[in-house]
Protein backbone atom coordinates (compact mmCIF):
# COMPACT_ATOMS: atom_id res chain seq x y z
CA MET A 1 7.53 103.72 -9.30
CA SER A 2 8.53 100.39 -7.79
CA ALA A 3 6.31 97.41 -7.24
CA VAL A 4 6.57 94.55 -4.80
CA LEU A 5 4.61 91.32 -5.00
CA THR A 6 4.96 88.59 -2.40
CA VAL A 7 3.76 84.99 -2.50
CA GLU A 8 4.21 83.61 1.00
CA LYS A 9 4.37 80.20 2.62
CA ALA A 10 1.13 78.87 1.14
CA VAL A 11 3.07 78.17 -2.05
CA HIS A 12 6.74 79.11 -1.72
CA ASP A 13 8.54 82.06 -0.18
CA ILE A 14 9.32 84.22 -3.20
CA ARG A 15 9.05 87.94 -3.73
CA TRP A 16 9.45 89.71 -7.06
CA ASN A 17 10.17 93.40 -7.31
CA ASN A 18 11.74 96.13 -9.37
CA THR A 19 13.17 98.27 -6.59
CA ALA A 20 16.56 99.53 -7.79
CA HIS A 21 18.68 98.14 -4.95
CA HIS A 22 20.56 95.24 -6.60
CA PRO A 23 22.37 96.82 -9.59
CA TYR A 24 24.63 93.78 -10.06
CA ILE A 25 21.68 91.56 -11.13
CA ASP A 26 21.63 90.97 -14.91
CA THR A 27 17.92 91.83 -15.09
CA PHE A 28 18.27 95.02 -12.99
CA PRO A 29 16.03 96.44 -11.64
CA PHE A 30 13.87 93.30 -11.92
CA HIS A 31 14.73 90.54 -9.46
CA CYS A 32 13.26 88.16 -6.93
CA HIS A 33 14.05 87.13 -3.39
CA ALA A 34 13.60 83.35 -3.16
CA GLY A 35 13.49 81.73 0.25
CA SER A 36 15.27 84.59 2.03
CA GLU A 37 16.10 88.25 1.67
CA THR A 38 19.71 87.38 0.87
CA ASN A 39 18.91 84.97 -1.99
CA VAL A 40 18.48 87.51 -4.79
CA LEU A 41 17.94 86.12 -8.29
CA PRO A 42 17.42 87.63 -11.75
CA SER A 43 13.79 87.82 -12.82
CA GLU A 44 11.81 88.99 -15.77
CA PRO A 45 9.24 91.74 -15.20
CA MET A 46 6.25 90.10 -13.52
CA THR A 47 2.55 90.52 -14.18
CA ILE A 48 -0.34 89.20 -12.16
CA GLU A 49 -0.93 86.62 -14.91
CA LYS A 50 2.66 85.33 -14.59
CA VAL A 51 2.36 85.16 -10.81
CA LEU A 52 -0.91 83.23 -11.01
CA THR A 53 0.69 80.82 -13.51
CA TYR A 54 3.61 80.34 -11.11
CA ILE A 55 1.24 79.66 -8.19
CA ALA A 56 -0.78 77.17 -10.25
CA SER A 57 2.39 75.35 -11.30
CA GLN A 58 3.57 75.11 -7.68
CA LEU A 59 0.20 73.81 -6.51
CA SER A 60 0.06 71.17 -9.24
CA GLU A 61 3.53 69.89 -8.22
CA GLY A 62 2.38 69.73 -4.67
């Protein structure tokens, strides 16, 4: 089962997922798309708690 979670423009365009379509990423299958579909970065497995922490940190920098 794959999961996709997207946080859009309200905070920062970033999408974490574990879809197995970037096998060259060190954290495969976990990765994120930051800013665009082509900017694929390694990512740890995400939980809703980690995403909420990320959103809070982005809002506090704001």
